Amino acid sequence: MAKFKTHISFGIIEAFLVTAAFYCCTKLVHPVQAVVIFCLTLIGSAVPDVDSDTARPTQILFGILGIACPVLLLHALQPSLMLKTEEIFCILLAAFLFFQYLLAWFFFRFTVHRGIFHSIPAALIAGECAILLFYNSIWYHRIFFGAAVFLGYMLHLVLDEIYAVDLFGMRLKKSTGSALSFRGESTISTFCAWALVVFLGILCKFSLYI
C-alpha cells in the first residue's frame, strides 16, 4: 500500500497532466475551470484514504470537505434563504465542525481500510458527486470535473496495487487485488455501492440535460 505522501506527490503530477490535457486539447477550459480541475484531481487522488487507519489523512480530507461543501451549499441556498452575515458564519462553523470531527470520527470508527472506498464503484460515485456538486456550471465543464475526480481516484487505486507487489521478494502481498476491485468487503456494501452508482448516474443524466 502506498503512503499518503506518495499519493499526494503522484496526485500533483497527475493533476498537472489532466489539467493540461483538458486545457490544451478540448479548447473548452478557461483558467478558472483549469484551477478547479487541478484541485479536484488532487482531491480525488487522496479521497480513498478517508477510511484510513491513521488520523492524518482523515483530518486533511475532512478539513477540505468541511470548508468546500458548506461554501458550495450556501452558494446554492443563499438566494432563497436571504441569510444575514452572522447566520452564514454560524452555519459555516457548524458545518466545518461536523465534517472535521463528527463525520471524521464516524468514518474512523465504523469503516474498514481497503474496504468499499478502495474500489472502482467508489471511484464512479466520487466522479458522479462532483458532477452533481457543480450543478450550475456548463454541462461539459461538469463532465470534466467528474472525470478529474474519477481519474485522481483511480490513480490512488492503481498506486495501491503497484505497491502491493514486492518486486525484490518477487511475491504478491496480501493486499493485492483489494484496491482495483469491483466489490467491497461484504455483499451488502457492494450492492449498496453499485445501487448508488446507478442512482447517481440517473441524477447526473437528468441534471446534465443530455
Protein backbone atom coordinates (compact mmCIF):
# COMPACT_ATOMS: atom_id res chain seq x y z
CA MET A 1 0.00 0.00 0.00
CA ALA A 2 1.37 3.39 -0.99
CA LYS A 3 1.85 6.01 1.74
CA PHE A 4 -0.24 9.18 1.94
CA LYS A 5 2.70 11.37 0.85
CA THR A 6 3.20 9.15 -2.19
CA HIS A 7 -0.44 9.56 -3.20
CA ILE A 8 -0.19 13.32 -2.83
CA SER A 9 3.05 13.52 -4.84
CA PHE A 10 1.71 11.45 -7.72
CA GLY A 11 -1.64 13.24 -7.40
CA ILE A 12 0.04 16.58 -8.05
CA ILE A 13 1.78 15.20 -11.13
CA GLU A 14 -1.45 13.71 -12.47
CA ALA A 15 -3.33 16.93 -11.68
CA PHE A 16 -0.90 18.89 -13.87
CA LEU A 17 -1.22 16.36 -16.70
CA VAL A 18 -5.03 16.12 -16.54
CA THR A 19 -5.40 19.90 -16.37
CA ALA A 20 -3.03 20.39 -19.29
CA ALA A 21 -4.86 17.76 -21.33
CA PHE A 22 -8.28 19.34 -20.79
CA TYR A 23 -6.95 22.87 -21.25
CA CYS A 24 -4.90 22.24 -24.39
CA CYS A 25 -6.89 19.52 -26.12
CA THR A 26 -10.53 20.48 -25.61
CA LYS A 27 -10.25 24.27 -26.02
CA LEU A 28 -13.30 24.43 -23.72
CA VAL A 29 -11.47 25.04 -20.45
CA HIS A 30 -10.59 28.50 -19.20
CA PRO A 31 -8.13 29.32 -16.38
CA VAL A 32 -10.84 29.21 -13.70
CA GLN A 33 -12.00 25.73 -14.74
CA ALA A 34 -8.37 24.64 -15.05
CA VAL A 35 -7.77 25.51 -11.39
CA VAL A 36 -10.89 23.55 -10.39
CA ILE A 37 -9.83 20.53 -12.47
CA PHE A 38 -6.37 20.58 -10.89
CA CYS A 39 -7.77 20.73 -7.35
CA LEU A 40 -10.41 18.06 -7.99
CA THR A 41 -7.86 15.67 -9.46
CA LEU A 42 -5.62 16.15 -6.44
CA ILE A 43 -8.52 15.71 -4.02
CA GLY A 44 -9.66 12.61 -5.89
CA SER A 45 -6.20 11.09 -5.53
CA ALA A 46 -6.47 11.36 -1.74
CA VAL A 47 -10.16 10.64 -1.08
CA PRO A 48 -9.88 6.80 -0.91
CA ASP A 49 -7.85 7.19 2.29
CA VAL A 50 -10.92 8.62 4.01
CA ASP A 51 -11.17 5.20 5.65
CA SER A 52 -7.51 5.24 6.68
CA ASP A 53 -6.43 3.71 9.98
CA THR A 54 -4.27 6.77 10.66
CA ALA A 55 -5.76 10.11 11.70
CA ARG A 56 -3.75 12.50 9.49
CA PRO A 57 -5.21 11.65 6.05
CA THR A 58 -8.71 11.65 7.51
CA GLN A 59 -8.23 15.04 9.17
CA ILE A 60 -6.84 16.61 5.99
CA LEU A 61 -9.59 15.22 3.77
CA PHE A 62 -12.43 16.12 6.09
CA GLY A 63 -10.88 19.53 6.68
CA ILE A 64 -11.09 20.19 2.93
CA LEU A 65 -14.66 18.86 2.80
CA GLY A 66 -15.57 20.93 5.85
CA ILE A 67 -14.60 24.10 4.01
CA ALA A 68 -15.65 23.33 0.44
CA CYS A 69 -19.04 21.65 0.95
CA PRO A 70 -20.64 24.30 3.23
CA VAL A 71 -19.46 27.12 0.96
CA LEU A 72 -20.92 25.47 -2.14
CA LEU A 73 -24.13 24.63 -0.29
CA LEU A 74 -24.56 28.20 0.95
CA HIS A 75 -23.92 29.47 -2.56
CA ALA A 76 -26.86 27.38 -3.71
CA LEU A 77 -29.22 28.28 -0.85
CA GLN A 78 -28.33 31.92 -0.17
CA PRO A 79 -30.57 33.47 -2.87
CA SER A 80 -33.68 31.79 -1.43
CA LEU A 81 -32.83 31.98 2.29
CA MET A 82 -31.53 35.57 2.37
CA LEU A 83 -29.27 34.84 5.33
CA LYS A 84 -27.55 37.50 7.40
CA THR A 85 -23.77 37.57 7.72
CA GLU A 86 -23.77 36.26 11.30
CA GLU A 87 -26.12 33.44 10.29
CA ILE A 88 -23.81 32.46 7.45
CA PHE A 89 -20.86 32.48 9.87
CA CYS A 90 -22.65 30.16 12.31
CA ILE A 91 -23.71 27.77 9.55
CA LEU A 92 -20.19 27.58 8.15
CA LEU A 93 -18.73 26.99 11.61
CA ALA A 94 -21.25 24.27 12.45
CA ALA A 95 -20.70 22.55 9.09
CA PHE A 96 -16.92 22.67 9.50
CA LEU A 97 -17.11 21.14 12.97
CA PHE A 98 -19.48 18.47 11.67
CA PHE A 99 -17.16 17.40 8.86
CA GLN A 100 -13.90 17.83 10.77
CA TYR A 101 -14.89 15.98 13.92
CA LEU A 102 -18.24 14.17 13.94
CA LEU A 103 -18.23 12.74 10.41
CA ALA A 104 -14.49 12.08 10.53
CA TRP A 105 -14.92 10.18 13.81
CA PHE A 106 -17.75 8.15 12.29
CA PHE A 107 -15.61 7.09 9.33
CA PHE A 108 -12.62 6.38 11.55
CA ARG A 109 -14.74 4.26 13.88
CA PHE A 110 -17.01 2.35 11.52
CA THR A 111 -15.17 1.95 8.21
CA VAL A 112 -12.58 -0.65 7.28
CA HIS A 113 -9.41 0.39 5.46
CA ARG A 114 -9.21 -1.11 1.99
CA GLY A 115 -12.97 -1.65 2.13
CA ILE A 116 -15.58 -0.29 -0.25
CA PHE A 117 -13.81 3.08 -0.51
CA HIS A 118 -10.92 1.30 -2.22
CA SER A 119 -12.97 0.05 -5.15
CA ILE A 120 -13.97 1.02 -8.67
CA PRO A 121 -17.65 1.73 -7.81
CA ALA A 122 -16.44 4.18 -5.16
CA ALA A 123 -14.41 5.98 -7.86
CA LEU A 124 -17.53 6.21 -10.02
CA ILE A 125 -19.55 7.57 -7.09
CA ALA A 126 -16.92 10.22 -6.39
CA GLY A 127 -16.98 11.37 -10.02
CA GLU A 128 -20.77 11.49 -10.09
CA CYS A 129 -20.85 13.50 -6.86
CA ALA A 130 -18.53 16.06 -8.45
CA ILE A 131 -20.87 16.39 -11.44
CA LEU A 132 -23.84 16.96 -9.15
CA LEU A 133 -21.95 19.32 -6.84
CA PHE A 134 -21.19 21.77 -9.65
CA TYR A 135 -24.86 21.87 -10.62
CA ASN A 136 -24.86 25.37 -12.15
CA SER A 137 -21.73 25.02 -14.29
CA ILE A 138 -21.78 24.39 -18.04
CA TRP A 139 -22.59 20.74 -18.73
CA TYR A 140 -19.28 19.86 -20.37
CA HIS A 141 -17.35 21.54 -17.55
CA ARG A 142 -19.28 19.37 -15.08
CA ILE A 143 -18.26 16.27 -17.02
CA PHE A 144 -14.63 17.43 -16.94
CA PHE A 145 -14.88 17.96 -13.17
CA GLY A 146 -16.35 14.50 -12.66
CA ALA A 147 -13.68 12.96 -14.87
CA ALA A 148 -10.96 14.78 -12.90
CA VAL A 149 -12.15 13.31 -9.60
CA PHE A 150 -12.54 9.85 -11.14
CA LEU A 151 -9.04 9.90 -12.67
CA GLY A 152 -7.50 11.07 -9.42
CA TYR A 153 -9.36 8.36 -7.52
CA MET A 154 -8.26 5.67 -9.96
CA LEU A 155 -4.63 6.80 -9.67
CA HIS A 156 -4.84 6.16 -5.93
CA LEU A 157 -6.17 2.64 -6.51
CA VAL A 158 -3.54 1.86 -9.15
CA LEU A 159 -0.73 3.05 -6.86
CA ASP A 160 -2.02 0.85 -4.07
CA GLU A 161 -1.97 -2.14 -6.39
CA ILE A 162 1.55 -1.34 -7.61
CA TYR A 163 2.82 -1.07 -4.05
CA ALA A 164 1.14 -4.38 -3.25
CA VAL A 165 3.78 -6.11 -5.38
CA ASP A 166 7.07 -6.94 -3.66
CA LEU A 167 9.48 -6.59 -6.56
CA PHE A 168 12.55 -7.58 -4.57
CA GLY A 169 10.94 -10.59 -2.96
CA MET A 170 9.14 -11.39 -6.23
CA ARG A 171 5.86 -12.02 -4.46
CA LEU A 172 2.40 -10.55 -4.10
CA LYS A 173 1.39 -9.05 -0.77
CA LYS A 174 -1.89 -9.90 0.94
CA SER A 175 -3.36 -6.53 -0.12
CA THR A 176 -3.03 -7.38 -3.83
CA GLY A 177 -6.33 -7.01 -5.64
CA SER A 178 -8.08 -5.20 -2.79
CA ALA A 179 -7.94 -1.76 -4.43
CA LEU A 180 -8.75 -2.25 -8.11
CA SER A 181 -11.82 -4.25 -7.25
CA PHE A 182 -15.45 -4.15 -8.32
CA ARG A 183 -16.67 -5.10 -4.86
CA GLY A 184 -16.23 -4.18 -1.21
CA GLU A 185 -15.59 -6.16 1.92
CA SER A 186 -19.14 -7.53 2.04
CA THR A 187 -22.04 -8.32 -0.27
CA ILE A 188 -24.19 -5.64 1.35
CA SER A 189 -21.63 -2.86 0.88
CA THR A 190 -21.05 -3.97 -2.72
CA PHE A 191 -24.78 -3.95 -3.51
CA CYS A 192 -25.27 -0.53 -1.88
CA ALA A 193 -22.29 0.91 -3.75
CA TRP A 194 -23.47 -0.23 -7.16
CA ALA A 195 -27.05 0.83 -6.38
CA LEU A 196 -25.69 4.29 -5.54
CA VAL A 197 -23.68 4.33 -8.78
CA VAL A 198 -26.87 3.70 -10.76
CA PHE A 199 -28.94 6.20 -8.74
CA LEU A 200 -26.37 9.00 -9.01
CA GLY A 201 -25.87 8.18 -12.68
CA ILE A 202 -29.58 8.76 -13.30
CA LEU A 203 -29.43 12.05 -11.39
CA CYS A 204 -26.43 13.12 -13.45
CA LYS A 205 -28.23 12.21 -16.66
CA PHE A 206 -31.24 14.40 -15.84
CA SER A 207 -29.17 17.24 -14.38
CA LEU A 208 -26.97 17.46 -17.47
CA TYR A 209 -29.98 17.58 -19.85
CA ILE A 210 -28.28 15.23 -22.31
